[in-house]
Amino acid sequence: MIQRRDVLGAALFAGLAGATSVGAIGFRRAQRAVPPGGDVVLTALPPQLGAWRLQPSRADMVDPIELDAAFAAALDMYDRIVERDYVAPALPRIMLSIVYKRELRQEDRFHWPEFCYATQGFKVRRLAPLALPDGPVVTRFLGDRFGRNELVGYFMRIGDALPAGSLAVRAALFRQSLALRLPDGVMVRASFLTDELDTDDPAAADAVLASFFEKLLADAGRPLLKMLIGDALRSA
């Protein structure tokens, strides 16, 4: 059975399968073209991220759910989906998911993780940007279902842009279209259960989430870092 992590990772790009006009696709490929198989670097995630160490995947945080046909089909749209669990003493287990698409064409609609959580019965709260020092802006929210609180954060790369928010994403895709480029894209998502913390302070939970993303970017080798955030940190 496909697990919830697969759905929530893939659903972000369910409407992002494309950002460029038909004319652009026929004219030339993106300047940042990734050859088939070039995204295999995403599977070479560091075994140690600060205090967190890679752990073989186990049961998901919430029981797997039955999928409708639309979600199941969405999983086939992506070139790579990677899931990893990281554990650390006295810190919550982090579930990391990465979704990659080699070519983004004209969008149909957007499926943001916060909306996907809501459709699965979560109450979504505290939706806000979480800035990383010298890093991308992470979109953060808290999902609450049956008393289980999951803090979620994600960021996206489209080509070499790191847009945060639906308007910025649309603008990035539009600029790619005007430039006659066909970009690749990646979404990096991490989450954990807040009841695994020894405090109820939301700021402390945010700090843990931010720390994990910072360690991921700091410890990633150059090929992986380029795949995650592109050639330059700049907002779209």
Protein backbone atom coordinates (compact mmCIF):
# COMPACT_ATOMS: atom_id res chain seq x y z
CA MET A 1 0.00 0.00 0.00
CA ILE A 2 1.24 3.48 -0.80
CA GLN A 3 1.92 5.43 2.35
CA ARG A 4 0.75 8.91 3.29
CA ARG A 5 4.28 10.27 2.94
CA ASP A 6 4.22 9.33 -0.75
CA VAL A 7 0.93 11.13 -1.28
CA LEU A 8 1.90 14.30 0.54
CA GLY A 9 5.24 14.48 -1.20
CA ALA A 10 3.92 13.84 -4.68
CA ALA A 11 0.79 15.95 -4.33
CA LEU A 12 2.73 19.19 -4.15
CA PHE A 13 3.70 18.80 -7.79
CA ALA A 14 0.46 17.18 -8.90
CA GLY A 15 -0.47 20.41 -10.67
CA LEU A 16 3.10 21.51 -11.29
CA ALA A 17 3.79 19.07 -14.08
CA GLY A 18 4.86 21.87 -16.25
CA ALA A 19 5.64 25.51 -16.35
CA THR A 20 6.50 26.31 -19.93
CA SER A 21 4.47 26.89 -23.07
CA VAL A 22 4.31 24.37 -25.90
CA GLY A 23 6.39 26.69 -28.04
CA ALA A 24 9.13 26.80 -25.41
CA ILE A 25 9.23 23.03 -25.16
CA GLY A 26 9.67 22.70 -28.89
CA PHE A 27 12.27 25.48 -29.07
CA ARG A 28 14.93 24.29 -26.63
CA ARG A 29 15.49 22.56 -23.34
CA ALA A 30 16.16 24.38 -20.10
CA GLN A 31 19.62 25.76 -19.62
CA ARG A 32 19.79 23.76 -16.37
CA ALA A 33 18.96 20.47 -18.07
CA VAL A 34 19.36 17.36 -15.93
CA PRO A 35 20.09 14.23 -17.95
CA PRO A 36 18.10 11.07 -17.30
CA GLY A 37 19.38 9.50 -14.11
CA GLY A 38 21.10 12.68 -12.99
CA ASP A 39 18.68 12.94 -10.09
CA VAL A 40 20.06 9.74 -8.54
CA VAL A 41 22.16 12.05 -6.35
CA LEU A 42 19.01 12.58 -4.29
CA THR A 43 19.31 9.04 -2.98
CA ALA A 44 22.80 9.79 -1.60
CA LEU A 45 21.58 11.73 1.42
CA PRO A 46 24.11 12.17 4.25
CA PRO A 47 23.98 9.39 6.86
CA GLN A 48 24.53 11.99 9.59
CA LEU A 49 22.96 15.45 9.86
CA GLY A 50 24.25 17.07 13.02
CA ALA A 51 22.84 15.01 15.88
CA TRP A 52 20.46 13.16 13.54
CA ARG A 53 21.48 9.89 11.94
CA LEU A 54 19.82 7.98 9.13
CA GLN A 55 17.56 5.15 10.26
CA PRO A 56 15.99 2.48 8.05
CA SER A 57 12.39 3.46 7.37
CA ARG A 58 9.74 2.06 9.65
CA ALA A 59 5.99 2.58 10.04
CA ASP A 60 4.75 6.00 9.02
CA MET A 61 3.68 8.55 11.63
CA VAL A 62 0.04 8.01 10.77
CA ASP A 63 -1.40 4.77 9.43
CA PRO A 64 -1.27 4.47 5.62
CA ILE A 65 -4.45 5.60 3.90
CA GLU A 66 -6.36 4.33 0.91
CA LEU A 67 -5.78 6.55 -2.11
CA ASP A 68 -8.18 7.74 -4.76
CA ALA A 69 -7.29 7.34 -8.42
CA ALA A 70 -6.09 10.94 -8.79
CA PHE A 71 -3.51 10.62 -6.03
CA ALA A 72 -2.34 7.24 -7.27
CA ALA A 73 -1.88 8.62 -10.77
CA ALA A 74 0.04 11.62 -9.39
CA LEU A 75 2.75 9.31 -8.07
CA ASP A 76 3.58 8.25 -11.62
CA MET A 77 4.23 11.83 -12.74
CA TYR A 78 7.55 12.21 -10.95
CA ASP A 79 11.01 11.04 -11.86
CA ARG A 80 12.07 10.34 -8.29
CA ILE A 81 10.47 10.21 -4.83
CA VAL A 82 12.83 9.75 -1.87
CA GLU A 83 11.88 9.18 1.78
CA ARG A 84 14.25 8.94 4.72
CA ASP A 85 13.93 8.87 8.52
CA TYR A 86 16.47 10.57 10.79
CA VAL A 87 16.72 10.02 14.55
CA ALA A 88 18.70 11.74 17.31
CA PRO A 89 18.96 11.40 21.10
CA ALA A 90 16.44 13.60 22.93
CA LEU A 91 15.09 14.94 19.62
CA PRO A 92 12.06 13.95 17.56
CA ARG A 93 12.34 11.58 14.64
CA ILE A 94 12.35 13.55 11.38
CA MET A 95 10.61 12.24 8.28
CA LEU A 96 12.26 13.66 5.15
CA SER A 97 10.59 13.45 1.75
CA ILE A 98 11.94 14.72 -1.58
CA VAL A 99 9.97 14.85 -4.82
CA TYR A 100 11.74 15.50 -8.13
CA LYS A 101 10.47 16.27 -11.63
CA ARG A 102 12.93 16.57 -14.53
CA GLU A 103 10.67 18.76 -16.67
CA LEU A 104 7.94 21.12 -15.47
CA ARG A 105 5.34 22.00 -18.08
CA GLN A 106 2.28 24.22 -18.10
CA GLU A 107 0.48 23.85 -14.78
CA ASP A 108 -3.09 22.71 -14.32
CA ARG A 109 -3.52 23.54 -10.65
CA PHE A 110 -1.47 23.59 -7.47
CA HIS A 111 -1.61 21.07 -4.64
CA TRP A 112 0.19 22.51 -1.64
CA PRO A 113 1.05 20.22 1.31
CA GLU A 114 -1.10 22.29 3.67
CA PHE A 115 -4.11 21.69 1.42
CA CYS A 116 -3.31 17.99 1.12
CA TYR A 117 -3.16 17.68 4.91
CA ALA A 118 -6.52 19.47 5.20
CA THR A 119 -8.19 17.11 2.72
CA GLN A 120 -6.97 14.15 4.82
CA GLY A 121 -8.69 15.42 7.94
CA PHE A 122 -5.93 17.53 9.49
CA LYS A 123 -6.61 20.91 11.01
CA VAL A 124 -3.91 23.17 9.59
CA ARG A 125 -2.61 25.89 11.90
CA ARG A 126 0.35 28.24 12.19
CA LEU A 127 0.89 28.45 8.43
CA ALA A 128 3.75 30.92 7.98
CA PRO A 129 7.20 31.30 6.40
CA LEU A 130 10.22 30.15 8.38
CA ALA A 131 13.42 31.84 7.20
CA LEU A 132 16.71 29.98 7.34
CA PRO A 133 20.01 31.86 7.74
CA ASP A 134 21.58 32.01 4.27
CA GLY A 135 19.03 29.47 3.05
CA PRO A 136 15.65 29.18 1.35
CA VAL A 137 12.42 30.27 2.99
CA VAL A 138 10.64 27.24 4.42
CA THR A 139 6.84 27.17 4.52
CA ARG A 140 5.84 25.84 7.94
CA PHE A 141 2.51 24.66 9.35
CA LEU A 142 1.11 22.44 12.10
CA GLY A 143 -1.24 19.62 11.17
CA ASP A 144 -3.53 18.30 13.92
CA ARG A 145 -5.54 15.10 13.51
CA PHE A 146 -7.01 13.06 16.36
CA GLY A 147 -4.76 14.89 18.81
CA ARG A 148 -1.57 14.05 16.91
CA ASN A 149 0.30 17.24 16.02
CA GLU A 150 2.75 17.13 13.14
CA LEU A 151 4.97 20.11 12.36
CA VAL A 152 5.68 20.27 8.64
CA GLY A 153 8.08 22.40 6.62
CA TYR A 154 8.93 22.44 2.92
CA PHE A 155 10.67 24.45 0.25
CA MET A 156 10.74 24.23 -3.54
CA ARG A 157 13.28 24.80 -6.25
CA ILE A 158 12.19 25.55 -9.81
CA GLY A 159 15.23 25.76 -12.06
CA ASP A 160 17.56 27.95 -10.02
CA ALA A 161 14.76 29.86 -8.28
CA LEU A 162 13.59 29.20 -4.72
CA PRO A 163 10.05 30.58 -4.68
CA ALA A 164 8.05 30.67 -1.45
CA GLY A 165 4.27 30.82 -1.76
CA SER A 166 1.86 30.22 -4.62
CA LEU A 167 2.27 33.67 -6.21
CA ALA A 168 6.06 33.37 -6.22
CA VAL A 169 5.82 29.89 -7.74
CA ARG A 170 3.53 31.11 -10.50
CA ALA A 171 5.87 34.02 -11.18
CA ALA A 172 8.88 31.70 -11.39
CA LEU A 173 7.12 29.42 -13.84
CA PHE A 174 5.97 32.37 -15.93
CA ARG A 175 9.50 33.74 -16.15
CA GLN A 176 10.76 30.35 -17.29
CA SER A 177 8.09 30.34 -19.98
CA LEU A 178 9.06 33.82 -21.21
CA ALA A 179 12.71 32.72 -21.33
CA LEU A 180 11.74 29.63 -23.36
CA ARG A 181 13.12 27.31 -20.72
CA LEU A 182 11.93 23.96 -19.47
CA PRO A 183 13.10 23.77 -15.83
CA ASP A 184 13.39 20.85 -13.49
CA GLY A 185 11.98 21.09 -9.97
CA VAL A 186 12.32 19.63 -6.50
CA MET A 187 10.33 19.86 -3.29
CA VAL A 188 12.06 19.11 0.03
CA ARG A 189 9.74 18.39 2.95
CA ALA A 190 10.47 17.47 6.58
CA SER A 191 8.10 16.83 9.48
CA PHE A 192 7.96 15.45 13.01
CA LEU A 193 5.47 14.83 15.80
CA THR A 194 5.59 17.64 18.33
CA ASP A 195 4.65 15.33 21.21
CA GLU A 196 8.15 13.88 20.87
CA LEU A 197 9.53 17.16 22.21
CA ASP A 198 9.89 17.76 25.94
CA THR A 199 8.28 21.20 25.61
CA ASP A 200 5.05 22.68 24.27
CA ASP A 201 6.77 25.88 23.17
CA PRO A 202 5.99 26.49 19.44
CA ALA A 203 9.22 28.47 19.08
CA ALA A 204 11.22 25.47 20.27
CA ALA A 205 9.50 23.24 17.71
CA ASP A 206 10.24 25.75 14.96
CA ALA A 207 13.88 25.83 16.04
CA VAL A 208 14.14 22.04 15.72
CA LEU A 209 12.62 22.11 12.23
CA ALA A 210 14.88 24.96 11.12
CA SER A 211 17.93 23.22 12.57
CA PHE A 212 17.23 20.07 10.58
CA PHE A 213 16.94 21.97 7.30
CA GLU A 214 20.12 23.90 8.10
CA LYS A 215 22.03 20.68 8.80
CA LEU A 216 20.71 19.10 5.62
CA LEU A 217 21.99 21.98 3.48
CA ALA A 218 25.26 22.32 5.41
CA ASP A 219 26.15 18.62 5.24
CA ALA A 220 25.02 17.95 1.66
CA GLY A 221 27.87 17.50 -0.79
CA ARG A 222 28.08 19.90 -3.71
CA PRO A 223 26.18 17.73 -6.25
CA LEU A 224 23.35 17.11 -3.79
CA LEU A 225 23.26 20.75 -2.68
CA LYS A 226 22.98 21.89 -6.29
CA MET A 227 20.11 19.48 -6.82
CA LEU A 228 18.32 20.77 -3.71
CA ILE A 229 18.77 24.54 -4.12
CA GLY A 230 20.30 25.16 -7.55
CA ASP A 231 23.30 27.30 -8.39
CA ALA A 232 22.40 30.32 -6.29
CA LEU A 233 20.18 31.27 -3.39
CA ARG A 234 17.72 33.78 -4.65
CA SER A 235 14.01 34.23 -4.15
CA ALA A 236 11.63 34.18 -7.07
